C-alpha atoms as a PDB file:
ATOM      1  CA  MET A   1      -0.014   0.055  -0.030  1.00  0.00           C
ATOM      2  CA  ARG A   2       1.442   3.273  -1.063  1.00  0.00           C
ATOM      3  CA  SER A   3       1.831   6.178   1.439  1.00  0.00           C
ATOM      4  CA  GLY A   4      -1.330   8.429   1.601  1.00  0.00           C
ATOM      5  CA  GLU A   5      -3.643   5.694   0.692  1.00  0.00           C
ATOM      6  CA  SER A   6      -6.370   5.017   3.252  1.00  0.00           C
ATOM      7  CA  ARG A   7      -6.499   1.371   4.539  1.00  0.00           C
ATOM      8  CA  PRO A   8      -9.672  -0.332   3.797  1.00  0.00           C
ATOM      9  CA  ALA A   9     -12.055  -0.470   6.604  1.00  0.00           C
ATOM     10  CA  GLY A  10     -12.664  -4.220   5.939  1.00  0.00           C
ATOM     11  CA  ASP A  11      -9.003  -4.899   6.778  1.00  0.00           C
ATOM     12  CA  GLY A  12      -9.786  -4.408  10.548  1.00  0.00           C
ATOM     13  CA  ARG A  13     -12.884  -6.514  10.508  1.00  0.00           C
ATOM     14  CA  ASP A  14     -11.088  -9.329   8.585  1.00  0.00           C
ATOM     15  CA  ARG A  15      -8.382  -9.471  11.209  1.00  0.00           C
ATOM     16  CA  LEU A  16     -11.119  -9.445  13.960  1.00  0.00           C
ATOM     17  CA  ARG A  17     -12.929 -12.143  12.321  1.00  0.00           C
ATOM     18  CA  ARG A  18      -9.618 -14.348  11.810  1.00  0.00           C
ATOM     19  CA  ILE A  19      -8.970 -13.695  15.456  1.00  0.00           C
ATOM     20  CA  GLY A  20     -12.400 -15.041  16.330  1.00  0.00           C
ATOM     21  CA  HIS A  21     -12.057 -18.118  14.236  1.00  0.00           C
ATOM     22  CA  SER A  22      -8.814 -18.779  16.103  1.00  0.00           C
ATOM     23  CA  LYS A  23      -9.895 -18.057  19.671  1.00  0.00           C
ATOM     24  CA  THR A  24      -9.633 -21.827  20.602  1.00  0.00           C
ATOM     25  CA  LEU A  25      -5.950 -21.747  19.517  1.00  0.00           C
ATOM     26  CA  ILE A  26      -5.325 -18.487  21.234  1.00  0.00           C
ATOM     27  CA  ILE A  27      -6.874 -19.596  24.313  1.00  0.00           C
ATOM     28  CA  MET A  28      -4.608 -22.831  24.234  1.00  0.00           C
ATOM     29  CA  CYS A  29      -1.534 -20.610  23.821  1.00  0.00           C
ATOM     30  CA  LEU A  30      -2.484 -18.376  26.805  1.00  0.00           C
ATOM     31  CA  PRO A  31      -0.685 -20.553  29.560  1.00  0.00           C
ATOM     32  CA  ALA A  32       2.501 -20.547  27.330  1.00  0.00           C
ATOM     33  CA  ILE A  33       2.245 -16.675  26.710  1.00  0.00           C
ATOM     34  CA  LEU A  34       1.800 -16.136  30.517  1.00  0.00           C
ATOM     35  CA  PHE A  35       4.638 -18.247  31.400  1.00  0.00           C
ATOM     36  CA  PHE A  36       7.112 -16.445  29.283  1.00  0.00           C
ATOM     37  CA  LEU A  37       5.647 -13.022  30.322  1.00  0.00           C
ATOM     38  CA  VAL A  38       5.948 -13.894  34.024  1.00  0.00           C
ATOM     39  CA  PHE A  39       9.295 -15.755  34.061  1.00  0.00           C
ATOM     40  CA  ALA A  40      11.279 -14.495  31.070  1.00  0.00           C
ATOM     41  CA  TYR A  41      10.137 -11.027  30.383  1.00  0.00           C
ATOM     42  CA  ALA A  42       8.990  -9.725  33.725  1.00  0.00           C
ATOM     43  CA  PRO A  43      12.429 -10.347  35.457  1.00  0.00           C
ATOM     44  CA  LEU A  44      14.327  -8.655  32.650  1.00  0.00           C
ATOM     45  CA  PRO A  45      14.621  -5.198  34.575  1.00  0.00           C
ATOM     46  CA  GLY A  46      16.379  -7.260  37.411  1.00  0.00           C
ATOM     47  CA  SER A  47      19.377  -7.611  35.048  1.00  0.00           C
ATOM     48  CA  TRP A  48      20.303  -4.097  36.120  1.00  0.00           C
ATOM     49  CA  ILE A  49      21.583  -5.468  39.263  1.00  0.00           C
ATOM     50  CA  ALA A  50      24.658  -6.897  37.289  1.00  0.00           C
ATOM     51  CA  PHE A  51      25.796  -3.286  36.851  1.00  0.00           C
ATOM     52  CA  THR A  52      25.227  -1.897  40.366  1.00  0.00           C
ATOM     53  CA  ASN A  53      26.593  -2.499  43.833  1.00  0.00           C
ATOM     54  CA  PHE A  54      23.182  -3.840  44.917  1.00  0.00           C
ATOM     55  CA  ASN A  55      21.805  -3.179  48.554  1.00  0.00           C
ATOM     56  CA  TYR A  56      18.420  -3.802  49.802  1.00  0.00           C
ATOM     57  CA  HIS A  57      18.013  -0.175  51.154  1.00  0.00           C
ATOM     58  CA  ASP A  58      18.430   1.433  47.757  1.00  0.00           C
ATOM     59  CA  GLY A  59      16.711  -1.194  45.865  1.00  0.00           C
ATOM     60  CA  ILE A  60      17.475  -2.281  42.169  1.00  0.00           C
ATOM     61  CA  PHE A  61      17.588   1.107  40.452  1.00  0.00           C
ATOM     62  CA  GLY A  62      18.703   3.150  43.503  1.00  0.00           C
ATOM     63  CA  SER A  63      21.758   1.216  44.055  1.00  0.00           C
ATOM     64  CA  PRO A  64      25.228   2.705  43.193  1.00  0.00           C
ATOM     65  CA  PHE A  65      26.084   2.200  39.472  1.00  0.00           C
ATOM     66  CA  VAL A  66      29.558   0.317  38.986  1.00  0.00           C
ATOM     67  CA  GLY A  67      29.492  -0.356  35.259  1.00  0.00           C
ATOM     68  CA  LEU A  68      31.227  -3.586  34.224  1.00  0.00           C
ATOM     69  CA  ARG A  69      33.155  -3.924  37.610  1.00  0.00           C
ATOM     70  CA  ASN A  70      31.166  -7.202  38.587  1.00  0.00           C
ATOM     71  CA  PHE A  71      32.083  -8.687  35.224  1.00  0.00           C
ATOM     72  CA  GLU A  72      35.691  -7.731  35.481  1.00  0.00           C
ATOM     73  CA  PHE A  73      35.916  -9.300  38.910  1.00  0.00           C
ATOM     74  CA  LEU A  74      34.665 -12.452  37.480  1.00  0.00           C
ATOM     75  CA  ALA A  75      37.183 -12.379  34.542  1.00  0.00           C
ATOM     76  CA  LYS A  76      40.008 -11.674  36.901  1.00  0.00           C
ATOM     77  CA  SER A  77      39.291 -14.313  39.392  1.00  0.00           C
ATOM     78  CA  GLY A  78      39.545 -17.024  36.887  1.00  0.00           C
ATOM     79  CA  GLN A  79      36.101 -18.388  37.786  1.00  0.00           C
ATOM     80  CA  LEU A  80      34.293 -17.284  34.603  1.00  0.00           C
ATOM     81  CA  TRP A  81      36.573 -19.286  32.169  1.00  0.00           C
ATOM     82  CA  LYS A  82      36.341 -22.425  34.382  1.00  0.00           C
ATOM     83  CA  LEU A  83      32.378 -22.225  34.679  1.00  0.00           C
ATOM     84  CA  THR A  84      31.984 -21.445  30.967  1.00  0.00           C
ATOM     85  CA  ARG A  85      34.452 -24.392  30.061  1.00  0.00           C
ATOM     86  CA  ASN A  86      32.613 -26.856  32.197  1.00  0.00           C
ATOM     87  CA  THR A  87      29.029 -25.720  31.210  1.00  0.00           C
ATOM     88  CA  LEU A  88      29.988 -25.794  27.505  1.00  0.00           C
ATOM     89  CA  LEU A  89      31.762 -29.142  27.521  1.00  0.00           C
ATOM     90  CA  TYR A  90      29.008 -30.817  29.565  1.00  0.00           C
ATOM     91  CA  ASN A  91      26.420 -29.608  27.251  1.00  0.00           C
ATOM     92  CA  VAL A  92      28.507 -30.530  24.103  1.00  0.00           C
ATOM     93  CA  ALA A  93      28.742 -34.007  25.459  1.00  0.00           C
ATOM     94  CA  PHE A  94      25.077 -34.282  26.365  1.00  0.00           C
ATOM     95  CA  ILE A  95      23.948 -32.741  22.912  1.00  0.00           C
ATOM     96  CA  VAL A  96      26.359 -34.892  20.835  1.00  0.00           C
ATOM     97  CA  LEU A  97      26.327 -38.226  22.613  1.00  0.00           C
ATOM     98  CA  GLY A  98      22.585 -37.575  23.363  1.00  0.00           C
ATOM     99  CA  ASN A  99      21.478 -37.353  19.739  1.00  0.00           C
ATOM    100  CA  ILE A 100      23.633 -40.228  18.674  1.00  0.00           C
ATOM    101  CA  VAL A 101      22.335 -42.640  21.261  1.00  0.00           C
ATOM    102  CA  GLN A 102      18.690 -41.492  20.830  1.00  0.00           C
ATOM    103  CA  ILE A 103      19.060 -41.996  16.968  1.00  0.00           C
ATOM    104  CA  ALA A 104      20.485 -45.443  17.457  1.00  0.00           C
ATOM    105  CA  VAL A 105      17.749 -46.424  20.079  1.00  0.00           C
ATOM    106  CA  ALA A 106      15.099 -44.996  17.663  1.00  0.00           C
ATOM    107  CA  ILE A 107      16.472 -47.151  14.650  1.00  0.00           C
ATOM    108  CA  MET A 108      16.734 -50.072  16.802  1.00  0.00           C
ATOM    109  CA  LEU A 109      13.120 -49.715  17.836  1.00  0.00           C
ATOM    110  CA  ASN A 110      11.971 -49.376  14.352  1.00  0.00           C
ATOM    111  CA  GLU A 111      13.863 -52.816  13.603  1.00  0.00           C
ATOM    112  CA  ILE A 112      11.834 -54.599  16.189  1.00  0.00           C
ATOM    113  CA  ARG A 113       8.956 -56.708  14.632  1.00  0.00           C
ATOM    114  CA  SER A 114       7.110 -57.654  17.839  1.00  0.00           C
ATOM    115  CA  LYS A 115       4.635 -54.738  18.551  1.00  0.00           C
ATOM    116  CA  TYR A 116       4.278 -55.952  22.305  1.00  0.00           C
ATOM    117  CA  PHE A 117       8.057 -56.003  22.729  1.00  0.00           C
ATOM    118  CA  LYS A 118       8.419 -52.749  21.133  1.00  0.00           C
ATOM    119  CA  LYS A 119       5.869 -51.017  23.411  1.00  0.00           C
ATOM    120  CA  VAL A 120       7.292 -52.661  26.539  1.00  0.00           C
ATOM    121  CA  SER A 121      10.796 -51.586  25.459  1.00  0.00           C
ATOM    122  CA  GLN A 122       9.689 -47.924  24.838  1.00  0.00           C
ATOM    123  CA  ALA A 123       8.016 -47.830  28.318  1.00  0.00           C
ATOM    124  CA  VAL A 124      11.036 -49.134  30.194  1.00  0.00           C
ATOM    125  CA  MET A 125      13.309 -46.612  28.369  1.00  0.00           C
ATOM    126  CA  PHE A 126      10.831 -43.778  28.948  1.00  0.00           C
ATOM    127  CA  LEU A 127      10.495 -44.536  32.710  1.00  0.00           C
ATOM    128  CA  PRO A 128      13.942 -42.910  33.906  1.00  0.00           C
ATOM    129  CA  TYR A 129      12.729 -39.508  32.486  1.00  0.00           C
ATOM    130  CA  PHE A 130      10.122 -39.306  35.211  1.00  0.00           C
ATOM    131  CA  ILE A 131      12.307 -40.222  37.755  1.00  0.00           C
ATOM    132  CA  SER A 132      13.272 -37.164  40.260  1.00  0.00           C
ATOM    133  CA  VAL A 133      16.884 -36.082  40.024  1.00  0.00           C
ATOM    134  CA  VAL A 134      16.726 -36.370  43.894  1.00  0.00           C
ATOM    135  CA  LEU A 135      16.186 -40.050  43.387  1.00  0.00           C
ATOM    136  CA  VAL A 136      18.897 -40.116  40.978  1.00  0.00           C
ATOM    137  CA  GLY A 137      21.268 -38.673  43.425  1.00  0.00           C
ATOM    138  CA  VAL A 138      20.243 -41.241  45.952  1.00  0.00           C
ATOM    139  CA  ILE A 139      20.703 -44.085  43.217  1.00  0.00           C
ATOM    140  CA  ALA A 140      24.132 -42.699  42.479  1.00  0.00           C
ATOM    141  CA  PHE A 141      25.160 -42.440  46.166  1.00  0.00           C
ATOM    142  CA  ASN A 142      24.177 -46.019  46.808  1.00  0.00           C
ATOM    143  CA  LEU A 143      26.107 -47.105  43.919  1.00  0.00           C
ATOM    144  CA  LEU A 144      29.248 -45.099  44.377  1.00  0.00           C
ATOM    145  CA  ASN A 145      29.575 -44.449  48.139  1.00  0.00           C
ATOM    146  CA  TYR A 146      33.029 -45.574  49.518  1.00  0.00           C
ATOM    147  CA  ASP A 147      31.690 -47.222  52.600  1.00  0.00           C
ATOM    148  CA  THR A 148      28.378 -49.033  51.744  1.00  0.00           C
ATOM    149  CA  GLY A 149      28.243 -48.577  47.888  1.00  0.00           C
ATOM    150  CA  ALA A 150      27.260 -51.411  45.481  1.00  0.00           C
ATOM    151  CA  LEU A 151      30.331 -50.729  43.266  1.00  0.00           C
ATOM    152  CA  ASN A 152      32.718 -50.817  45.885  1.00  0.00           C
ATOM    153  CA  ALA A 153      31.188 -53.824  47.561  1.00  0.00           C
ATOM    154  CA  LEU A 154      31.466 -55.714  44.102  1.00  0.00           C
ATOM    155  CA  ILE A 155      35.077 -54.461  43.826  1.00  0.00           C
ATOM    156  CA  GLU A 156      35.956 -55.821  47.392  1.00  0.00           C
ATOM    157  CA  ARG A 157      34.306 -59.343  46.713  1.00  0.00           C
ATOM    158  CA  THR A 158      36.617 -59.727  43.582  1.00  0.00           C
ATOM    159  CA  GLY A 159      39.594 -58.991  45.529  1.00  0.00           C
ATOM    160  CA  GLY A 160      40.251 -55.369  44.570  1.00  0.00           C
ATOM    161  CA  ASP A 161      40.546 -52.140  46.575  1.00  0.00           C
ATOM    162  CA  PRO A 162      37.666 -49.800  47.056  1.00  0.00           C
ATOM    163  CA  ILE A 163      37.780 -46.510  45.167  1.00  0.00           C
ATOM    164  CA  LYS A 164      36.974 -43.131  46.623  1.00  0.00           C
ATOM    165  CA  ILE A 165      34.897 -41.986  43.737  1.00  0.00           C
ATOM    166  CA  TYR A 166      33.519 -38.827  45.494  1.00  0.00           C
ATOM    167  CA  SER A 167      37.317 -37.581  46.005  1.00  0.00           C
ATOM    168  CA  GLN A 168      38.448 -37.967  42.394  1.00  0.00           C
ATOM    169  CA  ALA A 169      37.172 -35.261  40.227  1.00  0.00           C
ATOM    170  CA  GLY A 170      38.573 -36.840  37.024  1.00  0.00           C
ATOM    171  CA  LEU A 171      35.835 -39.560  37.146  1.00  0.00           C
ATOM    172  CA  TRP A 172      32.715 -37.307  37.373  1.00  0.00           C
ATOM    173  CA  PRO A 173      32.413 -35.998  33.868  1.00  0.00           C
ATOM    174  CA  PHE A 174      31.933 -39.680  32.803  1.00  0.00           C
ATOM    175  CA  ILE A 175      29.552 -40.411  35.644  1.00  0.00           C
ATOM    176  CA  ILE A 176      27.492 -37.253  35.032  1.00  0.00           C
ATOM    177  CA  VAL A 177      27.305 -37.977  31.323  1.00  0.00           C
ATOM    178  CA  LEU A 178      26.440 -41.516  31.797  1.00  0.00           C
ATOM    179  CA  PHE A 179      23.446 -40.643  34.352  1.00  0.00           C
ATOM    180  CA  HIS A 180      22.281 -37.894  31.972  1.00  0.00           C
ATOM    181  CA  LEU A 181      22.135 -40.343  29.102  1.00  0.00           C
ATOM    182  CA  TRP A 182      20.300 -42.893  31.226  1.00  0.00           C
ATOM    183  CA  GLN A 183      17.734 -40.390  32.008  1.00  0.00           C
ATOM    184  CA  SER A 184      17.049 -38.604  28.891  1.00  0.00           C
ATOM    185  CA  THR A 185      17.629 -41.119  26.108  1.00  0.00           C
ATOM    186  CA  GLY A 186      14.070 -42.816  26.279  1.00  0.00           C
ATOM    187  CA  TYR A 187      12.335 -39.476  26.080  1.00  0.00           C
ATOM    188  CA  GLY A 188      14.619 -38.037  23.363  1.00  0.00           C
ATOM    189  CA  SER A 189      14.390 -41.228  21.094  1.00  0.00           C
ATOM    190  CA  ILE A 190      10.582 -40.648  20.939  1.00  0.00           C
ATOM    191  CA  VAL A 191      11.011 -37.716  18.540  1.00  0.00           C
ATOM    192  CA  TYR A 192      13.381 -39.661  16.283  1.00  0.00           C
ATOM    193  CA  PHE A 193      11.196 -42.613  16.293  1.00  0.00           C
ATOM    194  CA  ALA A 194       8.211 -40.627  15.121  1.00  0.00           C
ATOM    195  CA  ALA A 195      10.237 -39.100  12.449  1.00  0.00           C
ATOM    196  CA  ILE A 196      11.198 -42.592  11.223  1.00  0.00           C
ATOM    197  CA  LEU A 197       7.598 -43.745  11.222  1.00  0.00           C
ATOM    198  CA  SER A 198       6.762 -40.641   9.039  1.00  0.00           C
ATOM    199  CA  ILE A 199       9.191 -41.713   6.297  1.00  0.00           C
ATOM    200  CA  ASP A 200       7.404 -42.628   3.103  1.00  0.00           C
ATOM    201  CA  SER A 201       6.880 -46.478   3.080  1.00  0.00           C
ATOM    202  CA  THR A 202       7.597 -46.700  -0.537  1.00  0.00           C
ATOM    203  CA  LEU A 203      11.257 -45.826   0.054  1.00  0.00           C
ATOM    204  CA  PHE A 204      11.506 -48.890   2.382  1.00  0.00           C
ATOM    205  CA  GLU A 205       9.832 -51.074  -0.230  1.00  0.00           C
ATOM    206  CA  ALA A 206      12.137 -49.907  -3.039  1.00  0.00           C
ATOM    207  CA  ALA A 207      15.093 -50.622  -0.902  1.00  0.00           C
ATOM    208  CA  ALA A 208      13.773 -54.164  -0.152  1.00  0.00           C
ATOM    209  CA  ILE A 209      13.097 -54.668  -3.960  1.00  0.00           C
ATOM    210  CA  ASP A 210      16.852 -53.664  -4.473  1.00  0.00           C
ATOM    211  CA  GLY A 211      18.100 -56.093  -1.866  1.00  0.00           C
ATOM    212  CA  ALA A 212      19.268 -53.567   0.588  1.00  0.00           C
ATOM    213  CA  SER A 213      20.436 -54.819   3.793  1.00  0.00           C
ATOM    214  CA  ALA A 214      19.353 -53.449   7.298  1.00  0.00           C
ATOM    215  CA  TRP A 215      22.413 -51.433   7.563  1.00  0.00           C
ATOM    216  CA  GLN A 216      22.088 -50.018   3.921  1.00  0.00           C
ATOM    217  CA  ARG A 217      18.358 -49.058   4.624  1.00  0.00           C
ATOM    218  CA  THR A 218      19.585 -47.180   7.806  1.00  0.00           C
ATOM    219  CA  ARG A 219      22.421 -45.406   6.080  1.00  0.00           C
ATOM    220  CA  TYR A 220      20.708 -44.442   2.719  1.00  0.00           C
ATOM    221  CA  VAL A 221      16.946 -44.045   3.759  1.00  0.00           C
ATOM    222  CA  ILE A 222      16.681 -43.547   7.515  1.00  0.00           C
ATOM    223  CA  LEU A 223      19.707 -41.276   8.229  1.00  0.00           C
ATOM    224  CA  PRO A 224      19.200 -38.740   5.377  1.00  0.00           C
ATOM    225  CA  SER A 225      15.393 -38.537   6.320  1.00  0.00           C
ATOM    226  CA  LEU A 226      16.246 -37.682   9.936  1.00  0.00           C
ATOM    227  CA  LYS A 227      18.801 -34.973   9.000  1.00  0.00           C
ATOM    228  CA  PRO A 228      15.952 -32.002   9.168  1.00  0.00           C
ATOM    229  CA  THR A 229      14.699 -33.375  12.464  1.00  0.00           C
ATOM    230  CA  PHE A 230      18.433 -33.570  13.836  1.00  0.00           C
ATOM    231  CA  ILE A 231      19.245 -29.981  12.806  1.00  0.00           C
ATOM    232  CA  ILE A 232      16.036 -28.323  14.188  1.00  0.00           C
ATOM    233  CA  LEU A 233      16.569 -30.349  17.704  1.00  0.00           C
ATOM    234  CA  LEU A 234      20.213 -29.372  17.517  1.00  0.00           C
ATOM    235  CA  LEU A 235      19.399 -25.669  17.120  1.00  0.00           C
ATOM    236  CA  PHE A 236      17.010 -25.958  19.967  1.00  0.00           C
ATOM    237  CA  SER A 237      19.748 -27.533  22.106  1.00  0.00           C
ATOM    238  CA  LEU A 238      22.262 -24.789  21.295  1.00  0.00           C
ATOM    239  CA  GLY A 239      19.947 -22.177  22.865  1.00  0.00           C
ATOM    240  CA  GLY A 240      20.431 -23.897  25.960  1.00  0.00           C
ATOM    241  CA  ILE A 241      24.049 -24.654  25.682  1.00  0.00           C
ATOM    242  CA  MET A 242      25.087 -22.206  28.353  1.00  0.00           C
ATOM    243  CA  ARG A 243      22.297 -23.596  30.727  1.00  0.00           C
ATOM    244  CA  GLY A 244      23.265 -26.587  32.872  1.00  0.00           C
ATOM    245  CA  ASN A 245      20.925 -29.175  34.324  1.00  0.00           C
ATOM    246  CA  PHE A 246      21.232 -27.687  37.940  1.00  0.00           C
ATOM    247  CA  GLY A 247      19.217 -30.506  39.477  1.00  0.00           C
ATOM    248  CA  LEU A 248      21.235 -33.249  38.093  1.00  0.00           C
ATOM    249  CA  PHE A 249      24.516 -31.707  39.074  1.00  0.00           C
ATOM    250  CA  TRP A 250      23.504 -30.544  42.473  1.00  0.00           C
ATOM    251  CA  ASN A 251      22.091 -33.753  43.462  1.00  0.00           C
ATOM    252  CA  LEU A 252      24.890 -35.901  42.021  1.00  0.00           C
ATOM    253  CA  VAL A 253      27.668 -33.777  43.353  1.00  0.00           C
ATOM    254  CA  GLY A 254      26.214 -31.602  45.966  1.00  0.00           C
ATOM    255  CA  ASN A 255      28.510 -29.015  47.747  1.00  0.00           C
ATOM    256  CA  ASN A 256      31.625 -31.112  47.308  1.00  0.00           C
ATOM    257  CA  ALA A 257      34.435 -28.665  47.073  1.00  0.00           C
ATOM    258  CA  THR A 258      36.819 -31.529  45.923  1.00  0.00           C
ATOM    259  CA  LEU A 259      34.978 -31.878  42.633  1.00  0.00           C
ATOM    260  CA  TYR A 260      34.351 -28.237  41.797  1.00  0.00           C
ATOM    261  CA  ASP A 261      37.209 -28.118  39.271  1.00  0.00           C
ATOM    262  CA  THR A 262      35.473 -30.696  36.740  1.00  0.00           C
ATOM    263  CA  THR A 263      31.738 -30.555  37.947  1.00  0.00           C
ATOM    264  CA  ASP A 264      31.016 -26.815  38.754  1.00  0.00           C
ATOM    265  CA  ILE A 265      28.828 -25.137  36.246  1.00  0.00           C
ATOM    266  CA  ILE A 266      27.189 -21.775  36.077  1.00  0.00           C
ATOM    267  CA  GLU A 267      24.013 -22.763  37.815  1.00  0.00           C
ATOM    268  CA  THR A 268      25.737 -24.368  40.853  1.00  0.00           C
ATOM    269  CA  SER A 269      28.139 -21.523  41.195  1.00  0.00           C
ATOM    270  CA  VAL A 270      25.309 -19.036  41.158  1.00  0.00           C
ATOM    271  CA  TYR A 271      23.227 -21.043  43.522  1.00  0.00           C
ATOM    272  CA  ARG A 272      26.250 -20.895  46.119  1.00  0.00           C
ATOM    273  CA  MET A 273      26.833 -17.338  45.556  1.00  0.00           C
ATOM    274  CA  ILE A 274      23.373 -16.598  46.601  1.00  0.00           C
ATOM    275  CA  ILE A 275      22.890 -19.116  49.451  1.00  0.00           C
ATOM    276  CA  SER A 276      26.179 -18.849  51.166  1.00  0.00           C
ATOM    277  CA  GLN A 277      27.466 -15.266  50.154  1.00  0.00           C
ATOM    278  CA  ASN A 278      24.200 -13.600  49.635  1.00  0.00           C
ATOM    279  CA  ASN A 279      25.953 -12.216  46.467  1.00  0.00           C
ATOM    280  CA  PHE A 280      23.240 -10.945  44.117  1.00  0.00           C
ATOM    281  CA  THR A 281      25.449  -8.690  41.900  1.00  0.00           C
ATOM    282  CA  THR A 282      27.991 -11.344  40.894  1.00  0.00           C
ATOM    283  CA  SER A 283      25.422 -14.004  40.491  1.00  0.00           C
ATOM    284  CA  THR A 284      23.335 -11.743  38.214  1.00  0.00           C
ATOM    285  CA  ALA A 285      26.414 -10.710  36.170  1.00  0.00           C
ATOM    286  CA  VAL A 286      27.076 -14.411  35.546  1.00  0.00           C
ATOM    287  CA  GLY A 287      23.428 -15.129  34.636  1.00  0.00           C
ATOM    288  CA  LEU A 288      23.310 -12.256  32.074  1.00  0.00           C
ATOM    289  CA  TYR A 289      26.609 -13.342  30.703  1.00  0.00           C
ATOM    290  CA  GLN A 290      25.225 -16.687  30.217  1.00  0.00           C
ATOM    291  CA  SER A 291      22.013 -15.484  28.494  1.00  0.00           C
ATOM    292  CA  LEU A 292      23.952 -13.120  26.149  1.00  0.00           C
ATOM    293  CA  PHE A 293      26.433 -15.842  25.172  1.00  0.00           C
ATOM    294  CA  GLY A 294      23.737 -18.443  24.417  1.00  0.00           C
ATOM    295  CA  PHE A 295      21.638 -15.798  22.444  1.00  0.00           C
ATOM    296  CA  ALA A 296      24.567 -14.864  20.426  1.00  0.00           C
ATOM    297  CA  LEU A 297      25.377 -18.443  19.684  1.00  0.00           C
ATOM    298  CA  VAL A 298      21.877 -19.422  18.530  1.00  0.00           C
ATOM    299  CA  MET A 299      21.933 -16.340  16.168  1.00  0.00           C
ATOM    300  CA  LEU A 300      25.110 -17.370  14.722  1.00  0.00           C
ATOM    301  CA  CYS A 301      24.251 -21.116  14.283  1.00  0.00           C
ATOM    302  CA  ASN A 302      20.977 -20.088  12.789  1.00  0.00           C
ATOM    303  CA  TRP A 303      22.748 -17.823  10.286  1.00  0.00           C
ATOM    304  CA  LEU A 304      25.143 -20.457   9.278  1.00  0.00           C
ATOM    305  CA  VAL A 305      22.323 -23.086   8.678  1.00  0.00           C
ATOM    306  CA  ARG A 306      20.420 -20.542   6.634  1.00  0.00           C
ATOM    307  CA  ARG A 307      23.539 -19.960   4.410  1.00  0.00           C
ATOM    308  CA  VAL A 308      23.589 -23.734   3.898  1.00  0.00           C
ATOM    309  CA  ASN A 309      19.956 -24.523   3.508  1.00  0.00           C
ATOM    310  CA  GLU A 310      17.396 -21.992   4.290  1.00  0.00           C
ATOM    311  CA  ASP A 311      14.567 -24.629   5.023  1.00  0.00           C
ATOM    312  CA  TYR A 312      16.429 -25.941   7.962  1.00  0.00           C
ATOM    313  CA  ALA A 313      16.838 -22.600   9.840  1.00  0.00           C
ATOM    314  CA  LEU A 314      14.530 -21.744  12.906  1.00  0.00           C
ATOM    315  CA  PHE A 315      13.823 -18.171  11.418  1.00  0.00           C
END
């Protein structure tokens, strides 16, 4: 529409009519909209604390402005690099290994011919996702505890010496990744399994006529068809690559300073800053850094995907 031309009066009525026709969908979206308004947008003004020397008397906007001093303290203390390194490496391991294992499980489920066994297998693998991380921590403690743990009891019965696992920081990256995979693989594989079921059955029929083996069907039919799903899930995962699973880490490791070097992530550090030191300024600075880093990474990865194939980009 050129400038100076009046907008037809029917446009407003048409828009209201479309909203009226979609009122059911809008009502269904309201809980999600309210969730993001309350928990994502309403707290945004609180980010100003990261640039102040916050005190309760003056409040968020009345506290003395200190600029980037809180970020400078984090950078000089060396904590920021360690927290960033640990958070990134754990999430990269979760994303890469998680997707590989989930795709493998989905393909194996697809190869099962017994419908009853397939449903039972899905239910068994899906169950750990609903187990509380508190219970996961209890399970880990009963397995790995030095005095009464099942693992050390097995080692002693076979003639070995018990291992002080809760004192060896080098073992915990493997332990945490293993427990994460155990808890999340069943749930994550459902998405890939649904994508496999949506593949055109004529592709499998043509592969069978050509005499393709199970591995060849997987390589040339299933894996290429899962590529769009994998890229979309990867982009979603990258959005949270700087956000660790606080519940899992805290319940597995707890406040064990011996393991901080390899297990301390941004969420656990911020939690300790607030609880033990009552330090809102530094913890807010870390949280703001975490959000900006994740936002920049998502925008960069989405731009790269658009350059390769626009259809796979999020926006």
